Amino acid sequence: MSQQSKQQQHVRVGVGVLVKDPKSTGKVFAGKRKGSHGAGTLALPGGHLEMLETWHECAQREVQEEMGIDIHNVAFGHVTNDPMEAEGKHYVTIFMVAEFVDNDATPINCEPHKCEGWDSYTWEELQQICNGKEESGLSLFGPLRRLVEERPEKIVEYLNKR
């Protein structure tokens, strides 16, 4: 069996981070994926959990790598089970919530080969995109779509908290 076949038989752990936009109450950052599975869909900053890394460390590392932003008040938000049959992948996605350390900072696109850029969205806007009622033509990356569909109370409360 090839290494690739063996790899595809394992469930991987992803971490997505709902990073509050300090300049716009109730909004979190998301970017349009490119160059990977889910290309063209809107996703949160995040990535794979590395060996011996905590969820908090992964969230901080991924946001720094992708947005050039330091975050704090990192906390667990929700977890989803995300089989991606068409791509031959299966993830468990841990969603963390976080805030900017410096509220005057502006996210930058540190990985332009993986993301088209960052914008912020309300929970309602993400729901509209998920339901196909957004005129932008955007769609949500599988794990984010599942999060929006599951509508976890803890996440909704977090986003509505000032």
C-alpha atoms as a PDB file:
ATOM      1  CA  MET A   1       0.000   0.000   0.000  1.00  0.00           C
ATOM      2  CA  SER A   2       1.402   3.421  -0.931  1.00  0.00           C
ATOM      3  CA  GLN A   3       2.163   6.083   1.686  1.00  0.00           C
ATOM      4  CA  GLN A   4      -0.576   8.266   0.185  1.00  0.00           C
ATOM      5  CA  SER A   5      -3.148   5.455   0.495  1.00  0.00           C
ATOM      6  CA  LYS A   6      -2.153   4.874   4.115  1.00  0.00           C
ATOM      7  CA  GLN A   7      -2.445   8.595   4.852  1.00  0.00           C
ATOM      8  CA  GLN A   8      -5.941   8.785   3.399  1.00  0.00           C
ATOM      9  CA  GLN A   9      -7.125   6.066   5.772  1.00  0.00           C
ATOM     10  CA  HIS A  10      -6.516   8.224   8.818  1.00  0.00           C
ATOM     11  CA  VAL A  11      -8.768  10.864  10.273  1.00  0.00           C
ATOM     12  CA  ARG A  12      -6.849  14.113  10.661  1.00  0.00           C
ATOM     13  CA  VAL A  13      -7.350  16.858  13.226  1.00  0.00           C
ATOM     14  CA  GLY A  14      -7.887  20.411  12.021  1.00  0.00           C
ATOM     15  CA  VAL A  15      -8.169  23.571  14.080  1.00  0.00           C
ATOM     16  CA  GLY A  16     -10.268  26.519  12.873  1.00  0.00           C
ATOM     17  CA  VAL A  17     -10.173  29.838  14.696  1.00  0.00           C
ATOM     18  CA  LEU A  18     -13.030  32.310  15.010  1.00  0.00           C
ATOM     19  CA  VAL A  19     -10.984  35.481  15.428  1.00  0.00           C
ATOM     20  CA  LYS A  20     -13.103  38.472  16.393  1.00  0.00           C
ATOM     21  CA  ASP A  21     -12.690  41.607  14.298  1.00  0.00           C
ATOM     22  CA  PRO A  22     -11.842  44.281  16.889  1.00  0.00           C
ATOM     23  CA  LYS A  23     -13.063  47.020  14.546  1.00  0.00           C
ATOM     24  CA  SER A  24     -16.464  45.458  13.832  1.00  0.00           C
ATOM     25  CA  THR A  25     -18.562  44.008  16.661  1.00  0.00           C
ATOM     26  CA  GLY A  26     -19.888  40.508  16.073  1.00  0.00           C
ATOM     27  CA  LYS A  27     -17.682  39.761  13.062  1.00  0.00           C
ATOM     28  CA  VAL A  28     -14.988  37.114  12.592  1.00  0.00           C
ATOM     29  CA  PHE A  29     -12.325  36.793   9.929  1.00  0.00           C
ATOM     30  CA  ALA A  30     -12.495  34.352   7.030  1.00  0.00           C
ATOM     31  CA  GLY A  31     -10.659  34.070   3.733  1.00  0.00           C
ATOM     32  CA  LYS A  32     -11.232  32.412   0.368  1.00  0.00           C
ATOM     33  CA  ARG A  33      -9.144  29.224   0.053  1.00  0.00           C
ATOM     34  CA  LYS A  34      -6.969  28.533  -2.945  1.00  0.00           C
ATOM     35  CA  GLY A  35      -4.509  25.849  -4.011  1.00  0.00           C
ATOM     36  CA  SER A  36      -5.934  23.088  -1.764  1.00  0.00           C
ATOM     37  CA  HIS A  37      -9.050  21.017  -1.192  1.00  0.00           C
ATOM     38  CA  GLY A  38     -11.955  23.380  -0.738  1.00  0.00           C
ATOM     39  CA  ALA A  39     -10.420  25.928  -3.112  1.00  0.00           C
ATOM     40  CA  GLY A  40     -12.792  28.817  -3.784  1.00  0.00           C
ATOM     41  CA  THR A  41     -14.652  28.425  -0.483  1.00  0.00           C
ATOM     42  CA  LEU A  42     -14.627  30.686   2.547  1.00  0.00           C
ATOM     43  CA  ALA A  43     -12.710  29.325   5.546  1.00  0.00           C
ATOM     44  CA  LEU A  44     -11.493  30.445   8.941  1.00  0.00           C
ATOM     45  CA  PRO A  45      -7.789  30.755   9.670  1.00  0.00           C
ATOM     46  CA  GLY A  46      -6.469  27.414  10.864  1.00  0.00           C
ATOM     47  CA  GLY A  47      -4.780  24.195   9.882  1.00  0.00           C
ATOM     48  CA  HIS A  48      -3.520  20.863  11.101  1.00  0.00           C
ATOM     49  CA  LEU A  49      -2.831  20.126  14.737  1.00  0.00           C
ATOM     50  CA  GLU A  50       0.849  19.209  15.011  1.00  0.00           C
ATOM     51  CA  MET A  51       2.294  16.445  17.160  1.00  0.00           C
ATOM     52  CA  LEU A  52       2.398  17.370  20.881  1.00  0.00           C
ATOM     53  CA  GLU A  53       0.757  20.747  20.207  1.00  0.00           C
ATOM     54  CA  THR A  54      -2.174  21.974  22.315  1.00  0.00           C
ATOM     55  CA  TRP A  55      -5.296  23.288  20.630  1.00  0.00           C
ATOM     56  CA  HIS A  56      -4.470  26.763  21.989  1.00  0.00           C
ATOM     57  CA  GLU A  57      -0.920  26.635  20.609  1.00  0.00           C
ATOM     58  CA  CYS A  58      -2.181  25.478  17.223  1.00  0.00           C
ATOM     59  CA  ALA A  59      -4.718  28.318  17.071  1.00  0.00           C
ATOM     60  CA  GLN A  60      -2.070  30.912  17.971  1.00  0.00           C
ATOM     61  CA  ARG A  61       0.486  29.491  15.508  1.00  0.00           C
ATOM     62  CA  GLU A  62      -1.944  29.213  12.596  1.00  0.00           C
ATOM     63  CA  VAL A  63      -3.357  32.732  13.028  1.00  0.00           C
ATOM     64  CA  GLN A  64       0.174  34.155  13.258  1.00  0.00           C
ATOM     65  CA  GLU A  65       1.308  32.204  10.159  1.00  0.00           C
ATOM     66  CA  GLU A  66      -1.743  33.097   8.079  1.00  0.00           C
ATOM     67  CA  MET A  67      -2.718  36.588   9.285  1.00  0.00           C
ATOM     68  CA  GLY A  68       0.403  37.964  10.997  1.00  0.00           C
ATOM     69  CA  ILE A  69      -1.698  38.576  14.119  1.00  0.00           C
ATOM     70  CA  ASP A  70      -1.102  37.636  17.747  1.00  0.00           C
ATOM     71  CA  ILE A  71      -4.228  36.392  19.517  1.00  0.00           C
ATOM     72  CA  HIS A  72      -5.221  35.888  23.146  1.00  0.00           C
ATOM     73  CA  ASN A  73      -8.280  34.832  25.175  1.00  0.00           C
ATOM     74  CA  VAL A  74      -8.119  31.627  23.146  1.00  0.00           C
ATOM     75  CA  ALA A  75     -10.820  29.162  24.197  1.00  0.00           C
ATOM     76  CA  PHE A  76     -12.550  26.038  22.926  1.00  0.00           C
ATOM     77  CA  GLY A  77     -15.719  26.762  20.966  1.00  0.00           C
ATOM     78  CA  HIS A  78     -17.029  23.604  19.264  1.00  0.00           C
ATOM     79  CA  VAL A  79     -15.983  20.441  17.431  1.00  0.00           C
ATOM     80  CA  THR A  80     -17.339  18.992  14.174  1.00  0.00           C
ATOM     81  CA  ASN A  81     -16.952  15.666  12.389  1.00  0.00           C
ATOM     82  CA  ASP A  82     -16.105  16.420   8.746  1.00  0.00           C
ATOM     83  CA  PRO A  83     -15.926  13.527   6.284  1.00  0.00           C
ATOM     84  CA  MET A  84     -14.993  14.842   2.826  1.00  0.00           C
ATOM     85  CA  GLU A  85     -15.791  11.858   0.664  1.00  0.00           C
ATOM     86  CA  ALA A  86     -15.214  13.573  -2.692  1.00  0.00           C
ATOM     87  CA  GLU A  87     -11.672  14.520  -1.619  1.00  0.00           C
ATOM     88  CA  GLY A  88     -10.955  11.197   0.106  1.00  0.00           C
ATOM     89  CA  LYS A  89     -10.384  13.009   3.395  1.00  0.00           C
ATOM     90  CA  HIS A  90     -11.886  12.949   6.860  1.00  0.00           C
ATOM     91  CA  TYR A  91     -11.258  15.536   9.556  1.00  0.00           C
ATOM     92  CA  VAL A  92     -12.316  16.244  13.077  1.00  0.00           C
ATOM     93  CA  THR A  93     -12.257  20.034  13.336  1.00  0.00           C
ATOM     94  CA  ILE A  94     -11.746  21.783  16.640  1.00  0.00           C
ATOM     95  CA  PHE A  95     -13.051  25.341  16.565  1.00  0.00           C
ATOM     96  CA  MET A  96     -11.374  27.795  18.890  1.00  0.00           C
ATOM     97  CA  VAL A  97     -12.414  31.394  19.602  1.00  0.00           C
ATOM     98  CA  ALA A  98      -9.914  34.222  20.061  1.00  0.00           C
ATOM     99  CA  GLU A  99      -9.302  37.966  20.038  1.00  0.00           C
ATOM    100  CA  PHE A 100      -6.522  40.206  18.743  1.00  0.00           C
ATOM    101  CA  VAL A 101      -3.831  41.102  21.286  1.00  0.00           C
ATOM    102  CA  ASP A 102      -3.491  44.515  19.595  1.00  0.00           C
ATOM    103  CA  ASN A 103      -6.887  45.899  18.596  1.00  0.00           C
ATOM    104  CA  ASP A 104      -5.197  48.348  16.218  1.00  0.00           C
ATOM    105  CA  ALA A 105      -3.531  45.566  14.229  1.00  0.00           C
ATOM    106  CA  THR A 106      -4.691  44.751  10.718  1.00  0.00           C
ATOM    107  CA  PRO A 107      -4.554  41.204   9.379  1.00  0.00           C
ATOM    108  CA  ILE A 108      -2.346  40.635   6.370  1.00  0.00           C
ATOM    109  CA  ASN A 109      -2.460  37.794   3.888  1.00  0.00           C
ATOM    110  CA  CYS A 110       0.760  35.988   4.833  1.00  0.00           C
ATOM    111  CA  GLU A 111       0.023  32.990   2.583  1.00  0.00           C
ATOM    112  CA  PRO A 112      -1.256  34.396  -0.729  1.00  0.00           C
ATOM    113  CA  HIS A 113      -0.696  31.002  -2.380  1.00  0.00           C
ATOM    114  CA  LYS A 114      -3.306  29.520   0.032  1.00  0.00           C
ATOM    115  CA  CYS A 115      -5.738  32.412   0.600  1.00  0.00           C
ATOM    116  CA  GLU A 116      -7.108  35.286  -1.481  1.00  0.00           C
ATOM    117  CA  GLY A 117      -7.245  37.623   1.551  1.00  0.00           C
ATOM    118  CA  TRP A 118      -9.110  38.252   4.803  1.00  0.00           C
ATOM    119  CA  ASP A 119     -12.454  39.905   5.407  1.00  0.00           C
ATOM    120  CA  SER A 120     -14.793  39.806   8.387  1.00  0.00           C
ATOM    121  CA  TYR A 121     -18.315  38.380   8.526  1.00  0.00           C
ATOM    122  CA  THR A 122     -21.181  38.295  11.002  1.00  0.00           C
ATOM    123  CA  TRP A 123     -22.775  34.996  11.990  1.00  0.00           C
ATOM    124  CA  GLU A 124     -25.849  36.042   9.984  1.00  0.00           C
ATOM    125  CA  GLU A 125     -23.724  36.654   6.876  1.00  0.00           C
ATOM    126  CA  LEU A 126     -22.132  33.217   7.262  1.00  0.00           C
ATOM    127  CA  GLN A 127     -25.624  31.698   7.588  1.00  0.00           C
ATOM    128  CA  GLN A 128     -26.763  33.470   4.406  1.00  0.00           C
ATOM    129  CA  ILE A 129     -23.698  32.206   2.520  1.00  0.00           C
ATOM    130  CA  CYS A 130     -24.306  28.686   3.885  1.00  0.00           C
ATOM    131  CA  ASN A 131     -27.932  28.790   2.718  1.00  0.00           C
ATOM    132  CA  GLY A 132     -27.020  30.165  -0.715  1.00  0.00           C
ATOM    133  CA  LYS A 133     -28.866  33.436  -0.037  1.00  0.00           C
ATOM    134  CA  GLU A 134     -25.751  35.624  -0.375  1.00  0.00           C
ATOM    135  CA  GLU A 135     -25.406  37.288  -3.762  1.00  0.00           C
ATOM    136  CA  SER A 136     -21.587  37.181  -3.686  1.00  0.00           C
ATOM    137  CA  GLY A 137     -21.536  33.602  -4.981  1.00  0.00           C
ATOM    138  CA  LEU A 138     -19.424  32.551  -2.007  1.00  0.00           C
ATOM    139  CA  SER A 139     -19.739  29.151  -0.377  1.00  0.00           C
ATOM    140  CA  LEU A 140     -18.335  27.855   2.903  1.00  0.00           C
ATOM    141  CA  PHE A 141     -15.526  25.334   3.334  1.00  0.00           C
ATOM    142  CA  GLY A 142     -16.938  22.025   4.643  1.00  0.00           C
ATOM    143  CA  PRO A 143     -15.999  22.364   8.333  1.00  0.00           C
ATOM    144  CA  LEU A 144     -17.181  25.991   8.508  1.00  0.00           C
ATOM    145  CA  ARG A 145     -20.403  25.035   6.710  1.00  0.00           C
ATOM    146  CA  ARG A 146     -21.006  22.262   9.244  1.00  0.00           C
ATOM    147  CA  LEU A 147     -20.302  24.665  12.138  1.00  0.00           C
ATOM    148  CA  VAL A 148     -22.853  27.148  10.770  1.00  0.00           C
ATOM    149  CA  GLU A 149     -25.397  24.372  10.188  1.00  0.00           C
ATOM    150  CA  GLU A 150     -24.957  23.049  13.737  1.00  0.00           C
ATOM    151  CA  ARG A 151     -25.300  26.579  15.134  1.00  0.00           C
ATOM    152  CA  PRO A 152     -23.635  25.864  18.499  1.00  0.00           C
ATOM    153  CA  GLU A 153     -25.012  28.065  21.246  1.00  0.00           C
ATOM    154  CA  LYS A 154     -21.548  28.746  22.685  1.00  0.00           C
ATOM    155  CA  ILE A 155     -20.300  30.157  19.355  1.00  0.00           C
ATOM    156  CA  VAL A 156     -23.410  32.289  18.748  1.00  0.00           C
ATOM    157  CA  GLU A 157     -23.182  33.714  22.291  1.00  0.00           C
ATOM    158  CA  TYR A 158     -19.462  34.405  21.851  1.00  0.00           C
ATOM    159  CA  LEU A 159     -20.030  36.346  18.632  1.00  0.00           C
ATOM    160  CA  ASN A 160     -22.849  38.378  20.127  1.00  0.00           C
ATOM    161  CA  LYS A 161     -20.826  39.258  23.235  1.00  0.00           C
ATOM    162  CA  ARG A 162     -19.227  42.681  23.079  1.00  0.00           C
END
